[in-house]
Amino acid sequence: MLDEVSRIAAEAGRIAQARCGGDYERWEKVPGHPVCAVDLEVDAFLRRELTQLDPEAGWLSEETLDVSDRIERSRLWVVDPIDGTRDYMRARSGWAVSVALVEERAAILGVLDAPARGEHWKAAKGQGAWRNGRPIRVSGRREFAGARVPADQLPAVDQDLVAVERPNSIALRIAMVAAGEADLAVTLRWGFEWDIAAAALIASEAGARVTGVLGQPLTFNSAAGAAFGVLVATPDIHAAAVERLRERAMDAV
């Protein structure tokens, strides 16, 4: 099934890329949360194709009204048709199509398609992770100081870290850790499962430690479809990252 999900996500990426930089309707769902007509077009395509692939699975997507009976199903498609919509609407490269299949609250398949970057990521639980067909692995980073973090700028307390490219898509920032291009990716806010489900599996299968920002386990298909924070890091620096971020996370939550 991973090959089929990969094919569908890649086609969704082609649909989105063909419209990128063109003329399409755009608006805000709520202040600060942009959406565009292409989000909805890609969402409809993914729902049709993925539902045909597994009709028994529930559906959770950023651009679809949530249906409560999903939590009663053993499997669930978790989809963000365009993760990183701000970059997409600015014709930048930091966006991706994100598709995960969740079973019994754990992601078992995950695919990211980032056509503007020429990147296609996929993973299956217990089978590893790949980018553009090649196996990927986290870096061997063992010291917290000097760890690379996708960030536009770092606060004073984190000046011992190193800022690297920060795509708008949180899924791509997590995937950077999976590929060894960053050592740590983190959010300190409430977020939605569709933002992280696919990327979290990809990172985990590449050898990263993936938890909530307080070190708590991540599970999916919750009633709210949301979780507080995510922390993805190379295994040897994960505990230090939790400790560094604990006070800020507690203030945020």
Protein backbone atom coordinates (compact mmCIF):
# COMPACT_ATOMS: atom_id res chain seq x y z
CA MET A 1 0.00 0.00 0.00
CA LEU A 2 2.92 2.38 0.60
CA ASP A 3 3.66 2.50 -3.13
CA GLU A 4 0.05 3.41 -3.88
CA VAL A 5 -0.04 6.13 -1.22
CA SER A 6 3.27 7.43 -2.58
CA ARG A 7 1.84 7.59 -6.09
CA ILE A 8 -1.30 9.40 -4.94
CA ALA A 9 0.64 11.94 -2.87
CA ALA A 10 3.00 12.61 -5.79
CA GLU A 11 0.04 13.26 -8.10
CA ALA A 12 -1.43 15.62 -5.48
CA GLY A 13 1.92 17.41 -5.42
CA ARG A 14 1.84 17.79 -9.21
CA ILE A 15 -1.66 19.26 -9.05
CA ALA A 16 -0.58 21.80 -6.44
CA GLN A 17 2.72 22.65 -8.16
CA ALA A 18 0.93 23.32 -11.46
CA ARG A 19 -1.16 26.02 -9.77
CA CYS A 20 1.63 27.52 -7.65
CA GLY A 21 2.32 31.13 -8.58
CA GLY A 22 -0.89 31.33 -10.60
CA ASP A 23 -4.21 33.04 -10.04
CA TYR A 24 -6.47 31.36 -7.50
CA GLU A 25 -8.80 32.43 -4.69
CA ARG A 26 -7.29 32.83 -1.22
CA TRP A 27 -8.71 33.85 2.16
CA GLU A 28 -8.32 33.30 5.91
CA LYS A 29 -10.32 30.64 7.72
CA VAL A 30 -9.68 32.57 10.92
CA PRO A 31 -7.23 35.46 11.37
CA GLY A 32 -3.69 34.26 10.80
CA HIS A 33 -4.69 30.96 9.16
CA PRO A 34 -4.58 31.30 5.36
CA VAL A 35 -6.19 28.90 2.93
CA CYS A 36 -6.59 28.90 -0.84
CA ALA A 37 -8.70 27.22 -3.49
CA VAL A 38 -5.82 24.87 -4.33
CA ASP A 39 -5.90 23.49 -0.75
CA LEU A 40 -9.50 22.43 -1.34
CA GLU A 41 -8.83 21.04 -4.82
CA VAL A 42 -5.95 18.88 -3.58
CA ASP A 43 -7.95 17.81 -0.53
CA ALA A 44 -10.82 16.60 -2.71
CA PHE A 45 -8.42 14.66 -4.94
CA LEU A 46 -6.74 12.99 -1.97
CA ARG A 47 -10.01 12.07 -0.30
CA ARG A 48 -11.33 10.45 -3.48
CA GLU A 49 -8.15 8.49 -4.20
CA LEU A 50 -7.31 7.43 -0.64
CA THR A 51 -10.88 6.42 0.16
CA GLN A 52 -10.86 4.16 -2.88
CA LEU A 53 -7.59 2.66 -1.62
CA ASP A 54 -9.00 1.94 1.87
CA PRO A 55 -12.75 2.59 2.10
CA GLU A 56 -12.91 1.45 5.73
CA ALA A 57 -10.48 4.07 7.02
CA GLY A 58 -11.76 7.27 8.60
CA TRP A 59 -10.74 10.74 7.44
CA LEU A 60 -9.06 13.67 9.19
CA SER A 61 -7.88 16.59 7.09
CA GLU A 62 -7.15 20.25 7.64
CA GLU A 63 -9.54 21.21 4.86
CA THR A 64 -12.47 18.88 5.59
CA LEU A 65 -15.13 19.19 8.27
CA ASP A 66 -14.24 16.65 10.94
CA VAL A 67 -16.57 13.66 11.25
CA SER A 68 -16.72 12.35 14.80
CA ASP A 69 -17.17 8.67 13.90
CA ARG A 70 -13.50 8.53 12.84
CA ILE A 71 -12.45 7.85 16.44
CA GLU A 72 -14.45 4.62 16.35
CA ARG A 73 -12.49 3.29 13.38
CA SER A 74 -9.30 1.27 13.66
CA ARG A 75 -7.69 3.06 10.69
CA LEU A 76 -7.61 6.71 9.71
CA TRP A 77 -6.24 8.81 6.86
CA VAL A 78 -4.58 11.93 8.29
CA VAL A 79 -4.01 14.50 5.57
CA ASP A 80 -2.76 18.03 5.06
CA PRO A 81 -3.21 18.80 1.36
CA ILE A 82 -0.72 21.69 1.54
CA ASP A 83 1.31 21.93 4.73
CA GLY A 84 3.03 25.29 4.64
CA THR A 85 0.31 27.24 2.84
CA ARG A 86 2.05 30.57 3.51
CA ASP A 87 5.10 29.46 1.51
CA TYR A 88 2.85 28.01 -1.19
CA MET A 89 0.93 31.27 -1.61
CA ARG A 90 4.23 33.17 -1.86
CA ALA A 91 5.50 30.70 -4.48
CA ARG A 92 8.27 29.54 -2.16
CA SER A 93 9.46 25.96 -1.80
CA GLY A 94 8.73 25.27 1.88
CA TRP A 95 5.44 23.38 1.49
CA ALA A 96 4.47 19.73 1.09
CA VAL A 97 1.55 17.37 0.65
CA SER A 98 1.31 15.24 3.80
CA VAL A 99 -0.47 11.87 3.99
CA ALA A 100 -0.42 9.35 6.83
CA LEU A 101 -2.35 6.18 7.52
CA VAL A 102 -2.97 5.67 11.25
CA GLU A 103 -3.92 2.32 12.75
CA GLU A 104 -4.85 1.88 16.41
CA ARG A 105 -3.63 5.44 17.12
CA ALA A 106 -0.16 4.94 15.59
CA ALA A 107 1.03 6.06 12.15
CA ILE A 108 1.90 3.04 9.99
CA LEU A 109 2.45 4.77 6.61
CA GLY A 110 3.67 8.29 5.93
CA VAL A 111 4.37 10.22 2.73
CA LEU A 112 5.47 13.80 2.10
CA ASP A 113 5.65 15.20 -1.41
CA ALA A 114 7.49 18.50 -1.83
CA PRO A 115 7.65 19.07 -5.60
CA ALA A 116 9.06 22.60 -5.37
CA ARG A 117 12.07 21.10 -3.58
CA GLY A 118 12.28 17.99 -5.72
CA GLU A 119 11.77 15.84 -2.64
CA HIS A 120 9.52 12.86 -2.01
CA TRP A 121 9.65 11.22 1.41
CA LYS A 122 8.02 7.99 2.57
CA ALA A 123 8.11 5.52 5.44
CA ALA A 124 6.37 2.37 6.65
CA LYS A 125 6.35 1.34 10.28
CA GLY A 126 9.17 -1.06 11.00
CA GLN A 127 10.54 -0.84 7.45
CA GLY A 128 12.59 2.37 7.36
CA ALA A 129 12.33 5.74 5.64
CA TRP A 130 13.38 7.05 2.24
CA ARG A 131 13.83 10.33 0.37
CA ASN A 132 13.72 10.14 -3.42
CA GLY A 133 14.08 6.38 -3.16
CA ARG A 134 17.22 6.39 -1.00
CA PRO A 135 17.26 5.31 2.66
CA ILE A 136 17.72 8.16 5.13
CA ARG A 137 19.12 8.28 8.64
CA VAL A 138 19.39 10.92 11.35
CA SER A 139 22.73 12.55 12.04
CA GLY A 140 25.07 11.17 14.66
CA ARG A 141 24.78 14.33 16.78
CA ARG A 142 25.58 13.52 20.43
CA GLU A 143 26.14 16.98 21.97
CA PHE A 144 23.24 19.37 22.46
CA ALA A 145 25.39 22.48 22.06
CA GLY A 146 25.87 23.08 18.35
CA ALA A 147 22.74 21.18 17.33
CA ARG A 148 21.17 22.43 14.09
CA VAL A 149 17.60 23.74 14.36
CA PRO A 150 15.36 24.95 11.51
CA ALA A 151 14.78 28.55 12.65
CA ASP A 152 14.69 32.08 11.25
CA GLN A 153 16.44 33.25 14.40
CA LEU A 154 17.22 31.82 17.82
CA PRO A 155 16.40 33.41 21.21
CA ALA A 156 19.28 34.49 23.40
CA VAL A 157 18.94 31.44 25.64
CA ASP A 158 19.54 29.17 22.62
CA GLN A 159 22.59 30.83 21.14
CA ASP A 160 24.57 27.64 21.65
CA LEU A 161 22.45 26.10 18.86
CA VAL A 162 22.82 26.66 15.12
CA ALA A 163 19.96 28.00 12.97
CA VAL A 164 19.49 26.37 9.56
CA GLU A 165 16.90 26.78 6.80
CA ARG A 166 13.33 26.93 8.11
CA PRO A 167 10.61 25.92 5.62
CA ASN A 168 7.11 27.05 6.55
CA SER A 169 5.97 23.41 6.66
CA ILE A 170 6.51 21.82 10.08
CA ALA A 171 6.40 18.45 8.31
CA LEU A 172 9.43 19.42 6.24
CA ARG A 173 11.27 20.70 9.31
CA ILE A 174 10.75 17.31 10.96
CA ALA A 175 11.84 15.57 7.76
CA MET A 176 15.07 17.57 7.80
CA VAL A 177 15.94 15.83 11.07
CA ALA A 178 15.12 12.48 9.48
CA ALA A 179 17.57 13.19 6.65
CA GLY A 180 20.36 14.44 8.92
CA GLU A 181 20.04 18.04 7.69
CA ALA A 182 18.99 19.22 11.15
CA ASP A 183 19.41 17.69 14.59
CA LEU A 184 16.34 19.08 16.34
CA ALA A 185 12.87 20.31 15.35
CA VAL A 186 10.34 21.55 17.87
CA THR A 187 7.05 23.37 18.29
CA LEU A 188 5.88 24.94 21.55
CA ARG A 189 2.20 25.31 20.80
CA TRP A 190 -0.97 23.36 20.23
CA GLY A 191 -1.03 21.85 16.74
CA PHE A 192 -3.03 19.43 14.66
CA GLU A 193 -2.35 15.81 13.89
CA TRP A 194 -2.39 16.42 10.14
CA ASP A 195 0.67 18.66 10.51
CA ILE A 196 2.89 15.96 11.98
CA ALA A 197 1.55 12.41 11.52
CA ALA A 198 3.38 11.54 8.30
CA ALA A 199 6.60 13.37 9.18
CA ALA A 200 6.71 11.91 12.69
CA LEU A 201 6.71 8.39 11.26
CA ILE A 202 9.36 9.29 8.68
CA ALA A 203 11.60 10.72 11.40
CA SER A 204 11.04 7.80 13.75
CA GLU A 205 11.83 5.28 11.03
CA ALA A 206 15.01 7.24 10.25
CA GLY A 207 16.14 6.82 13.86
CA ALA A 208 14.95 10.05 15.49
CA ARG A 209 13.33 10.19 18.91
CA VAL A 210 9.84 11.64 18.38
CA THR A 211 7.67 12.81 21.31
CA GLY A 212 5.57 15.65 22.55
CA VAL A 213 7.55 18.68 23.68
CA LEU A 214 7.43 17.51 27.29
CA GLY A 215 8.70 14.08 26.29
CA GLN A 216 5.24 12.51 26.28
CA PRO A 217 4.32 9.83 23.70
CA LEU A 218 2.59 10.94 20.52
CA THR A 219 -0.65 9.22 19.54
CA PHE A 220 -3.12 10.00 16.77
CA ASN A 221 -6.87 9.89 16.13
CA SER A 222 -7.65 11.75 19.35
CA ALA A 223 -11.07 13.29 19.82
CA ALA A 224 -9.66 16.79 19.32
CA GLY A 225 -7.32 15.82 16.49
CA ALA A 226 -4.66 17.96 18.16
CA ALA A 227 -1.71 17.71 20.52
CA PHE A 228 0.50 20.08 22.47
CA GLY A 229 3.93 20.47 20.94
CA VAL A 230 6.24 18.06 19.17
CA LEU A 231 9.93 17.39 19.69
CA VAL A 232 11.99 15.50 17.14
CA ALA A 233 15.70 15.02 17.79
CA THR A 234 18.62 12.70 17.37
CA PRO A 235 18.42 10.16 20.21
CA ASP A 236 21.45 11.39 22.15
CA ILE A 237 20.24 15.00 22.46
CA HIS A 238 16.52 14.39 22.99
CA ALA A 239 16.64 14.37 26.80
CA ALA A 240 18.70 17.58 26.87
CA ALA A 241 16.20 19.21 24.51
CA VAL A 242 13.28 18.26 26.77
CA GLU A 243 15.09 19.74 29.75
CA ARG A 244 16.02 22.93 27.90
CA LEU A 245 12.45 23.49 26.74
CA ARG A 246 10.54 22.32 29.82
CA GLU A 247 9.94 25.71 31.44
CA ARG A 248 8.94 27.36 28.18
CA ALA A 249 6.62 24.45 27.35
CA MET A 250 4.94 24.62 30.75
CA ASP A 251 4.40 28.36 30.34
CA ALA A 252 2.93 27.81 26.88
CA VAL A 253 0.59 25.00 27.84
